[in-house]
Amino acid sequence: MTLTVKLIGALKHAAGSDTITVNYRKGLSIKGLLKEVTTLTPELRRSLVDPQLEDQGLNALILLNSKEISALNGLDTKLKDKDEIVFVPVVHGG
């Protein structure tokens, strides 16, 4: 049982691949998935985790089955086998 994480733009370049496959386990949340992805692909840590706050997901728009996770339960959204997750980098500026 697996989950497919698709990476867009700069995230794809940081990981060296456009997808990451993670083994699914019951009760896994987006927050847990982020931890696994950044462990499997440490190059993504700088892109996905705010370095000052150590807060996950602030630097990416996260879609679960084409829905932005803030419309669901945010980082606490539970995942199901075969879910498709897409990480889209967010550009900050001012």
PDB file of N, CA and C in Angstrom:
ATOM      1  N   MET A   1       0.862  -1.170   0.000  1.00  0.00           N
ATOM      2  CA  MET A   1       0.000   0.000   0.000  1.00  0.00           C
ATOM      3  C   MET A   1       0.909   1.233   0.000  1.00  0.00           C
ATOM      4  N   THR A   2       0.650   2.126  -0.948  1.00  0.00           N
ATOM      5  CA  THR A   2       1.552   3.260  -1.126  1.00  0.00           C
ATOM      6  C   THR A   2       0.802   4.563  -1.342  1.00  0.00           C
ATOM      7  N   LEU A   3       1.530   5.621  -1.124  1.00  0.00           N
ATOM      8  CA  LEU A   3       1.074   6.974  -1.437  1.00  0.00           C
ATOM      9  C   LEU A   3       2.067   7.559  -2.424  1.00  0.00           C
ATOM     10  N   THR A   4       1.555   8.306  -3.385  1.00  0.00           N
ATOM     11  CA  THR A   4       2.416   8.970  -4.346  1.00  0.00           C
ATOM     12  C   THR A   4       2.416  10.462  -4.068  1.00  0.00           C
ATOM     13  N   VAL A   5       3.598  11.007  -3.879  1.00  0.00           N
ATOM     14  CA  VAL A   5       3.769  12.445  -3.678  1.00  0.00           C
ATOM     15  C   VAL A   5       4.360  12.999  -4.966  1.00  0.00           C
ATOM     16  N   LYS A   6       3.628  13.908  -5.608  1.00  0.00           N
ATOM     17  CA  LYS A   6       4.129  14.560  -6.814  1.00  0.00           C
ATOM     18  C   LYS A   6       4.749  15.893  -6.426  1.00  0.00           C
ATOM     19  N   LEU A   7       5.877  16.195  -7.047  1.00  0.00           N
ATOM     20  CA  LEU A   7       6.609  17.429  -6.763  1.00  0.00           C
ATOM     21  C   LEU A   7       6.614  18.305  -8.004  1.00  0.00           C
ATOM     22  N   ILE A   8       6.337  19.583  -7.802  1.00  0.00           N
ATOM     23  CA  ILE A   8       6.257  20.548  -8.895  1.00  0.00           C
ATOM     24  C   ILE A   8       7.402  21.546  -8.777  1.00  0.00           C
ATOM     25  N   GLY A   9       7.888  22.018  -9.919  1.00  0.00           N
ATOM     26  CA  GLY A   9       8.850  23.122  -9.982  1.00  0.00           C
ATOM     27  C   GLY A   9      10.129  22.900  -9.212  1.00  0.00           C
ATOM     28  N   ALA A  10      10.477  23.864  -8.372  1.00  0.00           N
ATOM     29  CA  ALA A  10      11.737  23.831  -7.622  1.00  0.00           C
ATOM     30  C   ALA A  10      11.816  22.618  -6.694  1.00  0.00           C
ATOM     31  N   LEU A  11      10.675  22.133  -6.222  1.00  0.00           N
ATOM     32  CA  LEU A  11      10.687  20.963  -5.348  1.00  0.00           C
ATOM     33  C   LEU A  11      11.144  19.728  -6.119  1.00  0.00           C
ATOM     34  N   LYS A  12      10.707  19.638  -7.353  1.00  0.00           N
ATOM     35  CA  LYS A  12      11.125  18.534  -8.225  1.00  0.00           C
ATOM     36  C   LYS A  12      12.638  18.575  -8.425  1.00  0.00           C
ATOM     37  N   HIS A  13      13.173  19.751  -8.643  1.00  0.00           N
ATOM     38  CA  HIS A  13      14.615  19.900  -8.844  1.00  0.00           C
ATOM     39  C   HIS A  13      15.387  19.593  -7.564  1.00  0.00           C
ATOM     40  N   ALA A  14      14.876  20.011  -6.419  1.00  0.00           N
ATOM     41  CA  ALA A  14      15.550  19.748  -5.146  1.00  0.00           C
ATOM     42  C   ALA A  14      15.626  18.253  -4.856  1.00  0.00           C
ATOM     43  N   ALA A  15      14.544  17.527  -5.184  1.00  0.00           N
ATOM     44  CA  ALA A  15      14.493  16.094  -4.911  1.00  0.00           C
ATOM     45  C   ALA A  15      15.181  15.266  -5.990  1.00  0.00           C
ATOM     46  N   GLY A  16      15.354  15.849  -7.168  1.00  0.00           N
ATOM     47  CA  GLY A  16      15.932  15.108  -8.279  1.00  0.00           C
ATOM     48  C   GLY A  16      14.951  14.137  -8.910  1.00  0.00           C
ATOM     49  N   SER A  17      13.664  14.320  -8.620  1.00  0.00           N
ATOM     50  CA  SER A  17      12.620  13.446  -9.159  1.00  0.00           C
ATOM     51  C   SER A  17      11.295  14.188  -9.078  1.00  0.00           C
ATOM     52  N   ASP A  18      10.347  13.794  -9.915  1.00  0.00           N
ATOM     53  CA  ASP A  18       9.040  14.446  -9.846  1.00  0.00           C
ATOM     54  C   ASP A  18       8.047  13.703  -8.963  1.00  0.00           C
ATOM     55  N   THR A  19       8.441  12.537  -8.442  1.00  0.00           N
ATOM     56  CA  THR A  19       7.574  11.801  -7.518  1.00  0.00           C
ATOM     57  C   THR A  19       8.392  11.133  -6.426  1.00  0.00           C
ATOM     58  N   ILE A  20       7.733  10.952  -5.298  1.00  0.00           N
ATOM     59  CA  ILE A  20       8.277  10.179  -4.183  1.00  0.00           C
ATOM     60  C   ILE A  20       7.172   9.217  -3.763  1.00  0.00           C
ATOM     61  N   THR A  21       7.530   7.963  -3.563  1.00  0.00           N
ATOM     62  CA  THR A  21       6.565   6.971  -3.109  1.00  0.00           C
ATOM     63  C   THR A  21       6.835   6.675  -1.644  1.00  0.00           C
ATOM     64  N   VAL A  22       5.766   6.726  -0.841  1.00  0.00           N
ATOM     65  CA  VAL A  22       5.872   6.496   0.596  1.00  0.00           C
ATOM     66  C   VAL A  22       4.937   5.349   0.947  1.00  0.00           C
ATOM     67  N   ASN A  23       5.405   4.455   1.812  1.00  0.00           N
ATOM     68  CA  ASN A  23       4.543   3.373   2.268  1.00  0.00           C
ATOM     69  C   ASN A  23       3.434   3.935   3.139  1.00  0.00           C
ATOM     70  N   TYR A  24       2.220   3.505   2.852  1.00  0.00           N
ATOM     71  CA  TYR A  24       1.054   3.953   3.610  1.00  0.00           C
ATOM     72  C   TYR A  24       0.948   3.143   4.893  1.00  0.00           C
ATOM     73  N   ARG A  25       0.579   3.825   5.961  1.00  0.00           N
ATOM     74  CA  ARG A  25       0.212   3.141   7.206  1.00  0.00           C
ATOM     75  C   ARG A  25      -1.004   3.849   7.792  1.00  0.00           C
ATOM     76  N   LYS A  26      -1.876   3.089   8.390  1.00  0.00           N
ATOM     77  CA  LYS A  26      -3.120   3.627   8.925  1.00  0.00           C
ATOM     78  C   LYS A  26      -2.838   4.755   9.921  1.00  0.00           C
ATOM     79  N   GLY A  27      -3.605   5.827   9.798  1.00  0.00           N
ATOM     80  CA  GLY A  27      -3.475   6.960  10.714  1.00  0.00           C
ATOM     81  C   GLY A  27      -2.452   8.001  10.287  1.00  0.00           C
ATOM     82  N   LEU A  28      -1.763   7.765   9.165  1.00  0.00           N
ATOM     83  CA  LEU A  28      -0.768   8.728   8.699  1.00  0.00           C
ATOM     84  C   LEU A  28      -1.450  10.035   8.296  1.00  0.00           C
ATOM     85  N   SER A  29      -0.894  11.135   8.776  1.00  0.00           N
ATOM     86  CA  SER A  29      -1.420  12.467   8.444  1.00  0.00           C
ATOM     87  C   SER A  29      -0.468  13.163   7.480  1.00  0.00           C
ATOM     88  N   ILE A  30      -0.901  14.298   6.964  1.00  0.00           N
ATOM     89  CA  ILE A  30      -0.026  15.113   6.110  1.00  0.00           C
ATOM     90  C   ILE A  30       1.233  15.487   6.885  1.00  0.00           C
ATOM     91  N   LYS A  31       1.089  15.841   8.148  1.00  0.00           N
ATOM     92  CA  LYS A  31       2.248  16.205   8.981  1.00  0.00           C
ATOM     93  C   LYS A  31       3.240  15.040   9.053  1.00  0.00           C
ATOM     94  N   GLY A  32       2.741  13.834   9.272  1.00  0.00           N
ATOM     95  CA  GLY A  32       3.603  12.657   9.313  1.00  0.00           C
ATOM     96  C   GLY A  32       4.237  12.375   7.964  1.00  0.00           C
ATOM     97  N   LEU A  33       3.465  12.583   6.911  1.00  0.00           N
ATOM     98  CA  LEU A  33       3.984  12.394   5.558  1.00  0.00           C
ATOM     99  C   LEU A  33       5.132  13.361   5.279  1.00  0.00           C
ATOM    100  N   LEU A  34       4.973  14.620   5.671  1.00  0.00           N
ATOM    101  CA  LEU A  34       6.040  15.610   5.488  1.00  0.00           C
ATOM    102  C   LEU A  34       7.316  15.169   6.204  1.00  0.00           C
ATOM    103  N   LYS A  35       7.161  14.638   7.395  1.00  0.00           N
ATOM    104  CA  LYS A  35       8.324  14.162   8.150  1.00  0.00           C
ATOM    105  C   LYS A  35       9.012  13.020   7.405  1.00  0.00           C
ATOM    106  N   GLU A  36       8.214  12.078   6.876  1.00  0.00           N
ATOM    107  CA  GLU A  36       8.789  10.961   6.128  1.00  0.00           C
ATOM    108  C   GLU A  36       9.466  11.428   4.852  1.00  0.00           C
ATOM    109  N   VAL A  37       8.813  12.324   4.124  1.00  0.00           N
ATOM    110  CA  VAL A  37       9.366  12.817   2.857  1.00  0.00           C
ATOM    111  C   VAL A  37      10.689  13.544   3.094  1.00  0.00           C
ATOM    112  N   THR A  38      10.755  14.357   4.142  1.00  0.00           N
ATOM    113  CA  THR A  38      11.992  15.104   4.398  1.00  0.00           C
ATOM    114  C   THR A  38      13.083  14.194   4.961  1.00  0.00           C
ATOM    115  N   THR A  39      12.699  13.052   5.535  1.00  0.00           N
ATOM    116  CA  THR A  39      13.692  12.068   5.972  1.00  0.00           C
ATOM    117  C   THR A  39      14.219  11.287   4.773  1.00  0.00           C
ATOM    118  N   LEU A  40      13.312  10.876   3.879  1.00  0.00           N
ATOM    119  CA  LEU A  40      13.707  10.133   2.680  1.00  0.00           C
ATOM    120  C   LEU A  40      14.508  10.996   1.711  1.00  0.00           C
ATOM    121  N   THR A  41      14.155  12.270   1.635  1.00  0.00           N
ATOM    122  CA  THR A  41      14.786  13.190   0.689  1.00  0.00           C
ATOM    123  C   THR A  41      15.176  14.468   1.437  1.00  0.00           C
ATOM    124  N   PRO A  42      16.289  14.428   2.167  1.00  0.00           N
ATOM    125  CA  PRO A  42      16.687  15.578   2.983  1.00  0.00           C
ATOM    126  C   PRO A  42      16.823  16.882   2.203  1.00  0.00           C
ATOM    127  N   GLU A  43      17.077  16.789   0.897  1.00  0.00           N
ATOM    128  CA  GLU A  43      17.211  17.998   0.078  1.00  0.00           C
ATOM    129  C   GLU A  43      15.925  18.824   0.091  1.00  0.00           C
ATOM    130  N   LEU A  44      14.806  18.174   0.334  1.00  0.00           N
ATOM    131  CA  LEU A  44      13.518  18.879   0.359  1.00  0.00           C
ATOM    132  C   LEU A  44      13.274  19.626   1.671  1.00  0.00           C
ATOM    133  N   ARG A  45      14.001  19.268   2.700  1.00  0.00           N
ATOM    134  CA  ARG A  45      13.768  19.883   4.014  1.00  0.00           C
ATOM    135  C   ARG A  45      13.839  21.405   3.946  1.00  0.00           C
ATOM    136  N   ARG A  46      14.867  21.926   3.271  1.00  0.00           N
ATOM    137  CA  ARG A  46      15.011  23.391   3.176  1.00  0.00           C
ATOM    138  C   ARG A  46      13.855  24.030   2.433  1.00  0.00           C
ATOM    139  N   SER A  47      13.266  23.299   1.495  1.00  0.00           N
ATOM    140  CA  SER A  47      12.169  23.837   0.699  1.00  0.00           C
ATOM    141  C   SER A  47      10.808  23.699   1.386  1.00  0.00           C
ATOM    142  N   LEU A  48      10.653  22.676   2.217  1.00  0.00           N
ATOM    143  CA  LEU A  48       9.343  22.401   2.821  1.00  0.00           C
ATOM    144  C   LEU A  48       9.194  22.843   4.269  1.00  0.00           C
ATOM    145  N   VAL A  49      10.313  23.050   4.959  1.00  0.00           N
ATOM    146  CA  VAL A  49      10.256  23.388   6.385  1.00  0.00           C
ATOM    147  C   VAL A  49      10.835  24.779   6.591  1.00  0.00           C
ATOM    148  N   ASP A  50      10.070  25.642   7.236  1.00  0.00           N
ATOM    149  CA  ASP A  50      10.553  26.988   7.535  1.00  0.00           C
ATOM    150  C   ASP A  50      11.750  26.867   8.479  1.00  0.00           C
ATOM    151  N   PRO A  51      12.929  27.355   8.078  1.00  0.00           N
ATOM    152  CA  PRO A  51      14.134  27.146   8.881  1.00  0.00           C
ATOM    153  C   PRO A  51      14.123  27.869  10.229  1.00  0.00           C
ATOM    154  N   GLN A  52      13.447  28.993  10.312  1.00  0.00           N
ATOM    155  CA  GLN A  52      13.424  29.737  11.571  1.00  0.00           C
ATOM    156  C   GLN A  52      12.391  29.179  12.536  1.00  0.00           C
ATOM    157  N   LEU A  53      11.243  28.789  12.014  1.00  0.00           N
ATOM    158  CA  LEU A  53      10.163  28.306  12.879  1.00  0.00           C
ATOM    159  C   LEU A  53      10.141  26.794  13.014  1.00  0.00           C
ATOM    160  N   GLU A  54      10.911  26.104  12.141  1.00  0.00           N
ATOM    161  CA  GLU A  54      10.867  24.639  12.072  1.00  0.00           C
ATOM    162  C   GLU A  54       9.430  24.158  11.872  1.00  0.00           C
ATOM    163  N   ASP A  55       8.666  24.961  11.144  1.00  0.00           N
ATOM    164  CA  ASP A  55       7.267  24.653  10.880  1.00  0.00           C
ATOM    165  C   ASP A  55       7.152  24.005   9.512  1.00  0.00           C
ATOM    166  N   GLN A  56       6.458  22.868   9.454  1.00  0.00           N
ATOM    167  CA  GLN A  56       6.354  22.130   8.204  1.00  0.00           C
ATOM    168  C   GLN A  56       5.275  22.681   7.295  1.00  0.00           C
ATOM    169  N   GLY A  57       5.533  22.601   6.013  1.00  0.00           N
ATOM    170  CA  GLY A  57       4.522  22.895   5.019  1.00  0.00           C
ATOM    171  C   GLY A  57       4.280  24.351   4.703  1.00  0.00           C
ATOM    172  N   LEU A  58       4.946  25.260   5.388  1.00  0.00           N
ATOM    173  CA  LEU A  58       4.683  26.673   5.150  1.00  0.00           C
ATOM    174  C   LEU A  58       5.165  27.144   3.789  1.00  0.00           C
ATOM    175  N   ASN A  59       6.118  26.429   3.221  1.00  0.00           N
ATOM    176  CA  ASN A  59       6.703  26.861   1.961  1.00  0.00           C
ATOM    177  C   ASN A  59       6.169  26.095   0.760  1.00  0.00           C
ATOM    178  N   ALA A  60       5.025  25.424   0.940  1.00  0.00           N
ATOM    179  CA  ALA A  60       4.435  24.679  -0.173  1.00  0.00           C
ATOM    180  C   ALA A  60       2.918  24.665  -0.046  1.00  0.00           C
ATOM    181  N   LEU A  61       2.289  24.711  -1.181  1.00  0.00           N
ATOM    182  CA  LEU A  61       0.853  24.479  -1.262  1.00  0.00           C
ATOM    183  C   LEU A  61       0.708  22.967  -1.361  1.00  0.00           C
ATOM    184  N   ILE A  62      -0.091  22.375  -0.503  1.00  0.00           N
ATOM    185  CA  ILE A  62      -0.225  20.922  -0.483  1.00  0.00           C
ATOM    186  C   ILE A  62      -1.634  20.551  -0.910  1.00  0.00           C
ATOM    187  N   LEU A  63      -1.709  19.750  -1.958  1.00  0.00           N
ATOM    188  CA  LEU A  63      -2.990  19.291  -2.493  1.00  0.00           C
ATOM    189  C   LEU A  63      -3.141  17.805  -2.206  1.00  0.00           C
ATOM    190  N   LEU A  64      -4.317  17.422  -1.733  1.00  0.00           N
ATOM    191  CA  LEU A  64      -4.658  16.017  -1.504  1.00  0.00           C
ATOM    192  C   LEU A  64      -5.815  15.681  -2.415  1.00  0.00           C
ATOM    193  N   ASN A  65      -5.569  14.818  -3.378  1.00  0.00           N
ATOM    194  CA  ASN A  65      -6.595  14.448  -4.355  1.00  0.00           C
ATOM    195  C   ASN A  65      -7.246  15.695  -4.954  1.00  0.00           C
ATOM    196  N   SER A  66      -6.406  16.644  -5.340  1.00  0.00           N
ATOM    197  CA  SER A  66      -6.779  17.903  -6.006  1.00  0.00           C
ATOM    198  C   SER A  66      -7.455  18.928  -5.105  1.00  0.00           C
ATOM    199  N   LYS A  67      -7.460  18.710  -3.776  1.00  0.00           N
ATOM    200  CA  LYS A  67      -8.020  19.693  -2.832  1.00  0.00           C
ATOM    201  C   LYS A  67      -6.906  20.223  -1.946  1.00  0.00           C
ATOM    202  N   GLU A  68      -6.868  21.546  -1.788  1.00  0.00           N
ATOM    203  CA  GLU A  68      -5.876  22.170  -0.925  1.00  0.00           C
ATOM    204  C   GLU A  68      -6.176  21.752   0.516  1.00  0.00           C
ATOM    205  N   ILE A  69      -5.142  21.370   1.276  1.00  0.00           N
ATOM    206  CA  ILE A  69      -5.383  20.790   2.596  1.00  0.00           C
ATOM    207  C   ILE A  69      -6.002  21.757   3.598  1.00  0.00           C
ATOM    208  N   SER A  70      -5.886  23.065   3.376  1.00  0.00           N
ATOM    209  CA  SER A  70      -6.534  24.006   4.297  1.00  0.00           C
ATOM    210  C   SER A  70      -8.055  23.915   4.193  1.00  0.00           C
ATOM    211  N   ALA A  71      -8.567  23.394   3.086  1.00  0.00           N
ATOM    212  CA  ALA A  71     -10.011  23.172   2.927  1.00  0.00           C
ATOM    213  C   ALA A  71     -10.419  21.857   3.582  1.00  0.00           C
ATOM    214  N   LEU A  72      -9.447  21.096   4.031  1.00  0.00           N
ATOM    215  CA  LEU A  72      -9.712  19.823   4.702  1.00  0.00           C
ATOM    216  C   LEU A  72      -9.418  20.022   6.192  1.00  0.00           C
ATOM    217  N   ASN A  73      -8.425  19.301   6.708  1.00  0.00           N
ATOM    218  CA  ASN A  73      -8.069  19.429   8.116  1.00  0.00           C
ATOM    219  C   ASN A  73      -6.608  19.852   8.282  1.00  0.00           C
ATOM    220  N   GLY A  74      -6.109  20.615   7.298  1.00  0.00           N
ATOM    221  CA  GLY A  74      -4.740  21.121   7.361  1.00  0.00           C
ATOM    222  C   GLY A  74      -3.717  20.003   7.458  1.00  0.00           C
ATOM    223  N   LEU A  75      -2.661  20.231   8.211  1.00  0.00           N
ATOM    224  CA  LEU A  75      -1.597  19.243   8.370  1.00  0.00           C
ATOM    225  C   LEU A  75      -2.062  17.999   9.112  1.00  0.00           C
ATOM    226  N   ASP A  76      -3.187  18.090   9.796  1.00  0.00           N
ATOM    227  CA  ASP A  76      -3.729  16.942  10.525  1.00  0.00           C
ATOM    228  C   ASP A  76      -4.623  16.062   9.655  1.00  0.00           C
ATOM    229  N   THR A  77      -4.790  16.408   8.383  1.00  0.00           N
ATOM    230  CA  THR A  77      -5.606  15.615   7.465  1.00  0.00           C
ATOM    231  C   THR A  77      -5.054  14.200   7.385  1.00  0.00           C
ATOM    232  N   LYS A  78      -5.909  13.213   7.613  1.00  0.00           N
ATOM    233  CA  LYS A  78      -5.514  11.806   7.539  1.00  0.00           C
ATOM    234  C   LYS A  78      -5.512  11.342   6.092  1.00  0.00           C
ATOM    235  N   LEU A  79      -4.575  10.475   5.791  1.00  0.00           N
ATOM    236  CA  LEU A  79      -4.415   9.962   4.436  1.00  0.00           C
ATOM    237  C   LEU A  79      -4.980   8.551   4.316  1.00  0.00           C
ATOM    238  N   LYS A  80      -5.316   8.187   3.073  1.00  0.00           N
ATOM    239  CA  LYS A  80      -5.800   6.843   2.770  1.00  0.00           C
ATOM    240  C   LYS A  80      -4.890   6.239   1.708  1.00  0.00           C
ATOM    241  N   ASP A  81      -4.857   4.918   1.662  1.00  0.00           N
ATOM    242  CA  ASP A  81      -4.081   4.225   0.652  1.00  0.00           C
ATOM    243  C   ASP A  81      -4.483   4.721  -0.732  1.00  0.00           C
ATOM    244  N   LYS A  82      -3.513   4.929  -1.580  1.00  0.00           N
ATOM    245  CA  LYS A  82      -3.683   5.364  -2.971  1.00  0.00           C
ATOM    246  C   LYS A  82      -3.981   6.857  -3.118  1.00  0.00           C
ATOM    247  N   ASP A  83      -3.984   7.626  -2.017  1.00  0.00           N
ATOM    248  CA  ASP A  83      -4.153   9.076  -2.138  1.00  0.00           C
ATOM    249  C   ASP A  83      -3.026   9.646  -2.990  1.00  0.00           C
ATOM    250  N   GLU A  84      -3.337  10.723  -3.696  1.00  0.00           N
ATOM    251  CA  GLU A  84      -2.322  11.440  -4.450  1.00  0.00           C
ATOM    252  C   GLU A  84      -2.100  12.797  -3.801  1.00  0.00           C
ATOM    253  N   ILE A  85      -0.853  13.064  -3.458  1.00  0.00           N
ATOM    254  CA  ILE A  85      -0.496  14.308  -2.795  1.00  0.00           C
ATOM    255  C   ILE A  85       0.421  15.083  -3.747  1.00  0.00           C
ATOM    256  N   VAL A  86       0.173  16.379  -3.884  1.00  0.00           N
ATOM    257  CA  VAL A  86       1.001  17.221  -4.735  1.00  0.00           C
ATOM    258  C   VAL A  86       1.538  18.375  -3.889  1.00  0.00           C
ATOM    259  N   PHE A  87       2.858  18.583  -3.960  1.00  0.00           N
ATOM    260  CA  PHE A  87       3.496  19.707  -3.305  1.00  0.00           C
ATOM    261  C   PHE A  87       3.862  20.728  -4.367  1.00  0.00           C
ATOM    262  N   VAL A  88       3.352  21.950  -4.196  1.00  0.00           N
ATOM    263  CA  VAL A  88       3.626  23.039  -5.130  1.00  0.00           C
ATOM    264  C   VAL A  88       4.383  24.115  -4.358  1.00  0.00           C
ATOM    265  N   PRO A  89       5.566  24.516  -4.814  1.00  0.00           N
ATOM    266  CA  PRO A  89       6.325  25.518  -4.066  1.00  0.00           C
ATOM    267  C   PRO A  89       5.609  26.865  -4.047  1.00  0.00           C
ATOM    268  N   VAL A  90       5.773  27.556  -2.930  1.00  0.00           N
ATOM    269  CA  VAL A  90       5.225  28.892  -2.756  1.00  0.00           C
ATOM    270  C   VAL A  90       6.376  29.880  -2.806  1.00  0.00           C
ATOM    271  N   VAL A  91       6.214  30.922  -3.584  1.00  0.00           N
ATOM    272  CA  VAL A  91       7.254  31.949  -3.677  1.00  0.00           C
ATOM    273  C   VAL A  91       6.846  33.106  -2.781  1.00  0.00           C
ATOM    274  N   HIS A  92       7.750  33.479  -1.880  1.00  0.00           N
ATOM    275  CA  HIS A  92       7.515  34.613  -0.971  1.00  0.00           C
ATOM    276  C   HIS A  92       8.321  35.796  -1.471  1.00  0.00           C
ATOM    277  N   GLY A  93       7.803  36.945  -1.250  1.00  0.00           N
ATOM    278  CA  GLY A  93       8.550  38.134  -1.650  1.00  0.00           C
ATOM    279  C   GLY A  93       7.885  39.377  -1.116  1.00  0.00           C
ATOM    280  N   GLY A  94       8.464  40.450  -1.407  1.00  0.00           N
ATOM    281  CA  GLY A  94       7.844  41.664  -0.912  1.00  0.00           C
ATOM    282  C   GLY A  94       8.606  42.879  -1.287  1.00  0.00           C
TER     283      GLY A  94
END
